[in-house]
Amino acid sequence: MLNQALIIAGKEIKESLRDGRSLVSSIFYSLMGPVIVSLVGAVKPGAIEVLLPMASIFVVVSAFSGGMNVAMDIVAGERERRSLLPLLLNPVSRMNVVVGKWLAVAAFSSAGLIINLMAFALVLSAPAMLLKIPALLSLAPLAASVEILISTWCRSTKEAHNYLSLLVFLPMFLGMLEVFVPKPFESWGWLLPILGQHIDLVGQLKIWQMDMLFGATMGSAMLFLLAAGKQLKRDDVIYGK
């Protein structure tokens, strides 16, 4: 089962790498936050207490923007091009197809997050931010599963683009909420996926809190992935009716 999913993931990654426009767009989104923060830092030099919360919002958003273009193309795009059905006619379960596509999107989401975090470490002269990479990478599978699920609902790439572009505002909103209204989330906000990663970036979670946050994030990712697999069993999704 895993071998089939990995083959599909490899195929999707290779095809996505050939699309130069998607790659440029993903890199642009990943570097946009560091550029903005560096400009703010030029106006207010040394204001790390202001720049770090801003950076944390962009870091969390990068996990969603990194795989957005890939997600909209490998399900909604294939459905629109009528190439999804031939893929499903192969002797491979539909859940394997979903898992393979999910792994491909998660790979691009991870790359976008790492590029973004490395750029922030350079801009803020804070190499310690790179130590956060292992704790933050669980965001990539979550973002990928949500994007795959949304892409299965959409009938065209354009429709998927509209919804996935709006999805990016969710982590942005949660991050801004924690920055401007932190009090309500002090005792339990660290347990919520997305919000917890933002809190960890701004402050410092304990090891047991990070473990619980990782479990909650991956558990949420699996639920969205199962929902996407269930969607792909519907005839209207496959035939585009």
C-alpha atoms as a PDB file:
ATOM      1  CA  MET A   1       0.000   0.000   0.000  1.00  0.00           C
ATOM      2  CA  LEU A   2       2.704   2.474   1.008  1.00  0.00           C
ATOM      3  CA  ASN A   3       4.782   1.581  -2.061  1.00  0.00           C
ATOM      4  CA  GLN A   4       1.886   2.468  -4.397  1.00  0.00           C
ATOM      5  CA  ALA A   5       1.312   5.763  -2.583  1.00  0.00           C
ATOM      6  CA  LEU A   6       5.022   6.631  -2.834  1.00  0.00           C
ATOM      7  CA  ILE A   7       5.024   5.916  -6.578  1.00  0.00           C
ATOM      8  CA  ILE A   8       2.051   8.249  -7.053  1.00  0.00           C
ATOM      9  CA  ALA A   9       3.709  10.875  -4.846  1.00  0.00           C
ATOM     10  CA  GLY A  10       6.920  10.689  -6.898  1.00  0.00           C
ATOM     11  CA  LYS A  11       4.960  11.072 -10.130  1.00  0.00           C
ATOM     12  CA  GLU A  12       3.079  14.108  -8.828  1.00  0.00           C
ATOM     13  CA  ILE A  13       6.247  15.755  -7.503  1.00  0.00           C
ATOM     14  CA  LYS A  14       8.058  15.313 -10.826  1.00  0.00           C
ATOM     15  CA  GLU A  15       5.133  16.718 -12.791  1.00  0.00           C
ATOM     16  CA  SER A  16       4.757  19.662 -10.404  1.00  0.00           C
ATOM     17  CA  LEU A  17       8.477  20.472 -10.650  1.00  0.00           C
ATOM     18  CA  ARG A  18       8.062  20.864 -14.421  1.00  0.00           C
ATOM     19  CA  ASP A  19       5.559  23.672 -13.882  1.00  0.00           C
ATOM     20  CA  GLY A  20       7.848  26.677 -13.543  1.00  0.00           C
ATOM     21  CA  ARG A  21       5.021  29.101 -12.834  1.00  0.00           C
ATOM     22  CA  SER A  22       3.828  27.168  -9.802  1.00  0.00           C
ATOM     23  CA  LEU A  23       7.362  26.917  -8.440  1.00  0.00           C
ATOM     24  CA  VAL A  24       7.992  30.642  -8.856  1.00  0.00           C
ATOM     25  CA  SER A  25       4.649  31.425  -7.231  1.00  0.00           C
ATOM     26  CA  SER A  26       5.346  29.134  -4.257  1.00  0.00           C
ATOM     27  CA  ILE A  27       8.812  30.607  -3.730  1.00  0.00           C
ATOM     28  CA  PHE A  28       7.370  34.127  -3.975  1.00  0.00           C
ATOM     29  CA  TYR A  29       4.803  33.373  -1.262  1.00  0.00           C
ATOM     30  CA  SER A  30       7.495  31.776   0.925  1.00  0.00           C
ATOM     31  CA  LEU A  31       9.790  34.814   0.697  1.00  0.00           C
ATOM     32  CA  MET A  32       7.134  37.521   0.818  1.00  0.00           C
ATOM     33  CA  GLY A  33       6.930  37.445   4.634  1.00  0.00           C
ATOM     34  CA  PRO A  34      10.679  37.812   5.243  1.00  0.00           C
ATOM     35  CA  VAL A  35      10.815  40.712   2.767  1.00  0.00           C
ATOM     36  CA  ILE A  36       7.953  42.524   4.532  1.00  0.00           C
ATOM     37  CA  VAL A  37       9.445  41.941   7.977  1.00  0.00           C
ATOM     38  CA  SER A  38      12.867  43.118   6.789  1.00  0.00           C
ATOM     39  CA  LEU A  39      11.295  46.345   5.514  1.00  0.00           C
ATOM     40  CA  VAL A  40       9.571  46.893   8.865  1.00  0.00           C
ATOM     41  CA  GLY A  41      12.855  46.123  10.599  1.00  0.00           C
ATOM     42  CA  ALA A  42      14.580  48.781   8.493  1.00  0.00           C
ATOM     43  CA  VAL A  43      12.078  51.363   9.758  1.00  0.00           C
ATOM     44  CA  LYS A  44      12.201  50.134  13.369  1.00  0.00           C
ATOM     45  CA  PRO A  45      15.644  48.579  13.848  1.00  0.00           C
ATOM     46  CA  GLY A  46      16.027  46.281  16.820  1.00  0.00           C
ATOM     47  CA  ALA A  47      12.280  45.962  17.494  1.00  0.00           C
ATOM     48  CA  ILE A  48      12.444  42.163  17.782  1.00  0.00           C
ATOM     49  CA  GLU A  49       9.406  42.090  20.104  1.00  0.00           C
ATOM     50  CA  VAL A  50       7.356  43.440  17.180  1.00  0.00           C
ATOM     51  CA  LEU A  51       9.061  41.554  14.357  1.00  0.00           C
ATOM     52  CA  LEU A  52       8.944  38.067  15.889  1.00  0.00           C
ATOM     53  CA  PRO A  53       5.115  37.886  16.198  1.00  0.00           C
ATOM     54  CA  MET A  54       4.857  39.159  12.606  1.00  0.00           C
ATOM     55  CA  ALA A  55       7.355  36.551  11.461  1.00  0.00           C
ATOM     56  CA  SER A  56       5.502  33.741  13.256  1.00  0.00           C
ATOM     57  CA  ILE A  57       2.316  34.546  11.327  1.00  0.00           C
ATOM     58  CA  PHE A  58       4.118  34.365   7.981  1.00  0.00           C
ATOM     59  CA  VAL A  59       5.899  31.135   8.953  1.00  0.00           C
ATOM     60  CA  VAL A  60       2.623  29.369   9.735  1.00  0.00           C
ATOM     61  CA  VAL A  61       1.015  30.745   6.555  1.00  0.00           C
ATOM     62  CA  SER A  62       3.946  29.445   4.461  1.00  0.00           C
ATOM     63  CA  ALA A  63       2.973  25.838   5.275  1.00  0.00           C
ATOM     64  CA  PHE A  64      -0.346  26.473   3.502  1.00  0.00           C
ATOM     65  CA  SER A  65       0.910  28.605   0.620  1.00  0.00           C
ATOM     66  CA  GLY A  66       3.828  26.278  -0.225  1.00  0.00           C
ATOM     67  CA  GLY A  67       1.621  23.441  -1.490  1.00  0.00           C
ATOM     68  CA  MET A  68      -1.408  25.442  -2.574  1.00  0.00           C
ATOM     69  CA  ASN A  69      -0.665  25.494  -6.317  1.00  0.00           C
ATOM     70  CA  VAL A  70       0.177  21.797  -6.352  1.00  0.00           C
ATOM     71  CA  ALA A  71      -2.994  20.842  -4.466  1.00  0.00           C
ATOM     72  CA  MET A  72      -5.296  22.726  -6.811  1.00  0.00           C
ATOM     73  CA  ASP A  73      -3.767  21.051  -9.863  1.00  0.00           C
ATOM     74  CA  ILE A  74      -3.356  17.412  -8.861  1.00  0.00           C
ATOM     75  CA  VAL A  75      -7.016  16.855  -7.969  1.00  0.00           C
ATOM     76  CA  ALA A  76      -9.231  19.675  -9.263  1.00  0.00           C
ATOM     77  CA  GLY A  77      -6.912  20.207 -12.244  1.00  0.00           C
ATOM     78  CA  GLU A  78      -6.908  16.516 -13.179  1.00  0.00           C
ATOM     79  CA  ARG A  79     -10.652  16.397 -12.757  1.00  0.00           C
ATOM     80  CA  GLU A  80     -11.011  19.383 -15.090  1.00  0.00           C
ATOM     81  CA  ARG A  81      -8.657  17.814 -17.675  1.00  0.00           C
ATOM     82  CA  ARG A  82     -10.517  14.465 -17.406  1.00  0.00           C
ATOM     83  CA  SER A  83      -7.275  12.705 -16.421  1.00  0.00           C
ATOM     84  CA  LEU A  84      -8.397  11.681 -12.930  1.00  0.00           C
ATOM     85  CA  LEU A  85     -10.540   8.759 -14.151  1.00  0.00           C
ATOM     86  CA  PRO A  86      -7.725   7.049 -16.124  1.00  0.00           C
ATOM     87  CA  LEU A  87      -5.557   7.231 -13.006  1.00  0.00           C
ATOM     88  CA  LEU A  88      -8.255   5.563 -10.904  1.00  0.00           C
ATOM     89  CA  LEU A  89      -8.671   2.775 -13.481  1.00  0.00           C
ATOM     90  CA  ASN A  90      -5.238   1.479 -12.491  1.00  0.00           C
ATOM     91  CA  PRO A  91      -5.118  -1.415  -9.975  1.00  0.00           C
ATOM     92  CA  VAL A  92      -4.596   0.849  -6.992  1.00  0.00           C
ATOM     93  CA  SER A  93      -7.047   1.784  -4.258  1.00  0.00           C
ATOM     94  CA  ARG A  94      -8.483   5.282  -4.219  1.00  0.00           C
ATOM     95  CA  MET A  95      -7.131   5.834  -0.723  1.00  0.00           C
ATOM     96  CA  ASN A  96      -3.639   5.107  -2.046  1.00  0.00           C
ATOM     97  CA  VAL A  97      -4.204   7.731  -4.725  1.00  0.00           C
ATOM     98  CA  VAL A  98      -5.238  10.266  -2.094  1.00  0.00           C
ATOM     99  CA  VAL A  99      -2.291   9.402   0.162  1.00  0.00           C
ATOM    100  CA  GLY A 100       0.141   9.698  -2.754  1.00  0.00           C
ATOM    101  CA  LYS A 101      -1.192  13.104  -3.744  1.00  0.00           C
ATOM    102  CA  TRP A 102      -1.206  14.166  -0.100  1.00  0.00           C
ATOM    103  CA  LEU A 103       2.468  13.221   0.279  1.00  0.00           C
ATOM    104  CA  ALA A 104       3.324  15.277  -2.809  1.00  0.00           C
ATOM    105  CA  VAL A 105       1.516  18.359  -1.513  1.00  0.00           C
ATOM    106  CA  ALA A 106       3.043  17.875   1.950  1.00  0.00           C
ATOM    107  CA  ALA A 107       6.521  17.807   0.376  1.00  0.00           C
ATOM    108  CA  PHE A 108       5.968  21.214  -1.239  1.00  0.00           C
ATOM    109  CA  SER A 109       4.362  22.568   1.941  1.00  0.00           C
ATOM    110  CA  SER A 110       7.402  21.428   3.942  1.00  0.00           C
ATOM    111  CA  ALA A 111       9.767  23.018   1.429  1.00  0.00           C
ATOM    112  CA  GLY A 112       7.876  26.324   1.566  1.00  0.00           C
ATOM    113  CA  LEU A 113       7.930  26.330   5.364  1.00  0.00           C
ATOM    114  CA  ILE A 114      11.663  25.536   5.548  1.00  0.00           C
ATOM    115  CA  ILE A 115      12.566  28.212   2.960  1.00  0.00           C
ATOM    116  CA  ASN A 116      10.452  30.735   4.857  1.00  0.00           C
ATOM    117  CA  LEU A 117      11.987  29.880   8.235  1.00  0.00           C
ATOM    118  CA  MET A 118      15.536  29.983   6.857  1.00  0.00           C
ATOM    119  CA  ALA A 119      14.876  33.402   5.336  1.00  0.00           C
ATOM    120  CA  PHE A 120      13.503  34.704   8.649  1.00  0.00           C
ATOM    121  CA  ALA A 121      16.512  33.319  10.534  1.00  0.00           C
ATOM    122  CA  LEU A 122      18.700  35.349   8.171  1.00  0.00           C
ATOM    123  CA  VAL A 123      16.579  38.525   8.187  1.00  0.00           C
ATOM    124  CA  LEU A 124      16.163  38.596  11.977  1.00  0.00           C
ATOM    125  CA  SER A 125      19.711  37.373  12.639  1.00  0.00           C
ATOM    126  CA  ALA A 126      18.141  34.627  14.732  1.00  0.00           C
ATOM    127  CA  PRO A 127      19.652  31.248  13.764  1.00  0.00           C
ATOM    128  CA  ALA A 128      17.900  29.705  16.780  1.00  0.00           C
ATOM    129  CA  MET A 129      14.675  29.854  14.728  1.00  0.00           C
ATOM    130  CA  LEU A 130      16.014  26.960  12.656  1.00  0.00           C
ATOM    131  CA  LEU A 131      15.719  24.757  15.745  1.00  0.00           C
ATOM    132  CA  LYS A 132      11.939  25.158  15.418  1.00  0.00           C
ATOM    133  CA  ILE A 133      11.852  23.332  12.064  1.00  0.00           C
ATOM    134  CA  PRO A 134      11.172  19.814  13.475  1.00  0.00           C
ATOM    135  CA  ALA A 135       8.340  21.105  15.679  1.00  0.00           C
ATOM    136  CA  LEU A 136       6.753  23.077  12.835  1.00  0.00           C
ATOM    137  CA  LEU A 137       6.913  20.437  10.122  1.00  0.00           C
ATOM    138  CA  SER A 138       3.716  18.778  11.379  1.00  0.00           C
ATOM    139  CA  LEU A 139       1.910  21.778   9.895  1.00  0.00           C
ATOM    140  CA  ALA A 140       2.789  20.611   6.381  1.00  0.00           C
ATOM    141  CA  PRO A 141       0.768  17.335   6.516  1.00  0.00           C
ATOM    142  CA  LEU A 142      -2.157  19.222   8.060  1.00  0.00           C
ATOM    143  CA  ALA A 143      -2.108  21.949   5.410  1.00  0.00           C
ATOM    144  CA  ALA A 144      -1.760  19.331   2.651  1.00  0.00           C
ATOM    145  CA  SER A 145      -4.716  17.260   3.861  1.00  0.00           C
ATOM    146  CA  VAL A 146      -7.000  20.300   4.114  1.00  0.00           C
ATOM    147  CA  GLU A 147      -5.956  21.486   0.650  1.00  0.00           C
ATOM    148  CA  ILE A 148      -6.460  18.038  -0.883  1.00  0.00           C
ATOM    149  CA  LEU A 149      -9.937  17.854   0.669  1.00  0.00           C
ATOM    150  CA  ILE A 150     -10.898  21.277  -0.705  1.00  0.00           C
ATOM    151  CA  SER A 151      -9.477  20.384  -4.112  1.00  0.00           C
ATOM    152  CA  THR A 152     -11.697  17.265  -4.303  1.00  0.00           C
ATOM    153  CA  TRP A 153     -14.757  19.466  -3.760  1.00  0.00           C
ATOM    154  CA  CYS A 154     -13.894  21.829  -6.606  1.00  0.00           C
ATOM    155  CA  ARG A 155     -14.831  21.253 -10.229  1.00  0.00           C
ATOM    156  CA  SER A 156     -12.026  23.308 -11.792  1.00  0.00           C
ATOM    157  CA  THR A 157      -8.601  24.745 -11.083  1.00  0.00           C
ATOM    158  CA  LYS A 158     -10.083  28.233 -10.983  1.00  0.00           C
ATOM    159  CA  GLU A 159     -12.615  27.243  -8.330  1.00  0.00           C
ATOM    160  CA  ALA A 160      -9.918  25.481  -6.307  1.00  0.00           C
ATOM    161  CA  HIS A 161      -7.715  28.576  -6.548  1.00  0.00           C
ATOM    162  CA  ASN A 162     -10.506  30.749  -5.147  1.00  0.00           C
ATOM    163  CA  TYR A 163     -11.124  28.522  -2.121  1.00  0.00           C
ATOM    164  CA  LEU A 164      -7.481  27.711  -1.400  1.00  0.00           C
ATOM    165  CA  SER A 165      -6.560  31.391  -1.585  1.00  0.00           C
ATOM    166  CA  LEU A 166      -9.156  32.065   1.105  1.00  0.00           C
ATOM    167  CA  LEU A 167      -7.809  29.168   3.195  1.00  0.00           C
ATOM    168  CA  VAL A 168      -4.516  31.029   3.660  1.00  0.00           C
ATOM    169  CA  PHE A 169      -6.377  33.642   5.715  1.00  0.00           C
ATOM    170  CA  LEU A 170      -7.224  31.021   8.398  1.00  0.00           C
ATOM    171  CA  PRO A 171      -3.685  30.670   9.833  1.00  0.00           C
ATOM    172  CA  MET A 172      -3.180  34.406   9.340  1.00  0.00           C
ATOM    173  CA  PHE A 173      -6.329  35.182  11.346  1.00  0.00           C
ATOM    174  CA  LEU A 174      -5.435  32.763  14.158  1.00  0.00           C
ATOM    175  CA  GLY A 175      -1.941  34.208  14.394  1.00  0.00           C
ATOM    176  CA  MET A 176      -3.202  37.780  14.546  1.00  0.00           C
ATOM    177  CA  LEU A 177      -5.802  36.765  17.124  1.00  0.00           C
ATOM    178  CA  GLU A 178      -3.092  35.344  19.382  1.00  0.00           C
ATOM    179  CA  VAL A 179      -0.918  38.453  18.921  1.00  0.00           C
ATOM    180  CA  PHE A 180      -3.623  41.013  19.688  1.00  0.00           C
ATOM    181  CA  VAL A 181      -5.828  39.010  22.104  1.00  0.00           C
ATOM    182  CA  PRO A 182      -3.445  36.543  23.807  1.00  0.00           C
ATOM    183  CA  LYS A 183      -5.170  36.268  27.192  1.00  0.00           C
ATOM    184  CA  PRO A 184      -7.950  33.768  26.328  1.00  0.00           C
ATOM    185  CA  PHE A 185      -5.432  31.333  24.800  1.00  0.00           C
ATOM    186  CA  GLU A 186      -2.734  31.331  27.459  1.00  0.00           C
ATOM    187  CA  SER A 187      -3.868  28.160  29.228  1.00  0.00           C
ATOM    188  CA  TRP A 188      -5.094  25.954  26.366  1.00  0.00           C
ATOM    189  CA  GLY A 189      -4.298  27.597  22.993  1.00  0.00           C
ATOM    190  CA  TRP A 190      -1.019  25.666  22.649  1.00  0.00           C
ATOM    191  CA  LEU A 191      -3.005  22.446  22.113  1.00  0.00           C
ATOM    192  CA  LEU A 192      -4.766  23.716  18.980  1.00  0.00           C
ATOM    193  CA  PRO A 193      -3.083  23.035  15.618  1.00  0.00           C
ATOM    194  CA  ILE A 194      -1.879  26.213  13.859  1.00  0.00           C
ATOM    195  CA  LEU A 195      -2.432  28.354  16.953  1.00  0.00           C
ATOM    196  CA  GLY A 196      -0.137  26.112  18.995  1.00  0.00           C
ATOM    197  CA  GLN A 197       2.673  26.348  16.434  1.00  0.00           C
ATOM    198  CA  HIS A 198       2.337  30.124  16.460  1.00  0.00           C
ATOM    199  CA  ILE A 199       2.575  30.189  20.277  1.00  0.00           C
ATOM    200  CA  ASP A 200       5.648  27.954  20.131  1.00  0.00           C
ATOM    201  CA  LEU A 201       7.343  30.351  17.703  1.00  0.00           C
ATOM    202  CA  VAL A 202       6.650  33.409  19.821  1.00  0.00           C
ATOM    203  CA  GLY A 203       7.344  31.746  23.161  1.00  0.00           C
ATOM    204  CA  GLN A 204       8.577  28.333  24.144  1.00  0.00           C
ATOM    205  CA  LEU A 205       6.457  25.233  24.701  1.00  0.00           C
ATOM    206  CA  LYS A 206       7.578  22.468  27.010  1.00  0.00           C
ATOM    207  CA  ILE A 207       8.528  19.092  25.539  1.00  0.00           C
ATOM    208  CA  TRP A 208       5.294  17.409  26.686  1.00  0.00           C
ATOM    209  CA  GLN A 209       3.243  20.292  25.246  1.00  0.00           C
ATOM    210  CA  MET A 210       5.048  19.974  21.914  1.00  0.00           C
ATOM    211  CA  ASP A 211       4.370  16.228  21.883  1.00  0.00           C
ATOM    212  CA  MET A 212       0.663  16.766  22.519  1.00  0.00           C
ATOM    213  CA  LEU A 213       0.515  19.513  19.878  1.00  0.00           C
ATOM    214  CA  PHE A 214       2.219  17.197  17.381  1.00  0.00           C
ATOM    215  CA  GLY A 215      -0.341  14.467  18.109  1.00  0.00           C
ATOM    216  CA  ALA A 216      -3.266  16.879  17.777  1.00  0.00           C
ATOM    217  CA  THR A 217      -1.903  18.267  14.496  1.00  0.00           C
ATOM    218  CA  MET A 218      -1.238  14.874  12.918  1.00  0.00           C
ATOM    219  CA  GLY A 219      -4.567  13.530  14.184  1.00  0.00           C
ATOM    220  CA  SER A 220      -6.374  16.442  12.538  1.00  0.00           C
ATOM    221  CA  ALA A 221      -4.419  15.828   9.323  1.00  0.00           C
ATOM    222  CA  MET A 222      -5.501  12.175   9.259  1.00  0.00           C
ATOM    223  CA  LEU A 223      -9.162  13.124   9.725  1.00  0.00           C
ATOM    224  CA  PHE A 224      -9.062  15.550   6.787  1.00  0.00           C
ATOM    225  CA  LEU A 225      -7.211  12.958   4.706  1.00  0.00           C
ATOM    226  CA  LEU A 226      -9.842  10.290   5.415  1.00  0.00           C
ATOM    227  CA  ALA A 227     -12.543  12.790   4.435  1.00  0.00           C
ATOM    228  CA  ALA A 228     -10.724  13.424   1.141  1.00  0.00           C
ATOM    229  CA  GLY A 229     -10.489   9.674   0.502  1.00  0.00           C
ATOM    230  CA  LYS A 230     -14.224   9.356   1.120  1.00  0.00           C
ATOM    231  CA  GLN A 231     -14.874  12.195  -1.336  1.00  0.00           C
ATOM    232  CA  LEU A 232     -12.873  10.456  -4.048  1.00  0.00           C
ATOM    233  CA  LYS A 233     -15.229   7.467  -3.897  1.00  0.00           C
ATOM    234  CA  ARG A 234     -18.111   9.616  -5.145  1.00  0.00           C
ATOM    235  CA  ASP A 235     -18.983   9.388  -8.842  1.00  0.00           C
ATOM    236  CA  ASP A 236     -19.654  13.117  -9.171  1.00  0.00           C
ATOM    237  CA  VAL A 237     -16.115  13.844  -7.986  1.00  0.00           C
ATOM    238  CA  ILE A 238     -14.555  11.387 -10.413  1.00  0.00           C
ATOM    239  CA  TYR A 239     -16.649  12.180 -13.486  1.00  0.00           C
ATOM    240  CA  GLY A 240     -16.961  15.890 -12.766  1.00  0.00           C
ATOM    241  CA  LYS A 241     -20.752  15.976 -12.860  1.00  0.00           C
END
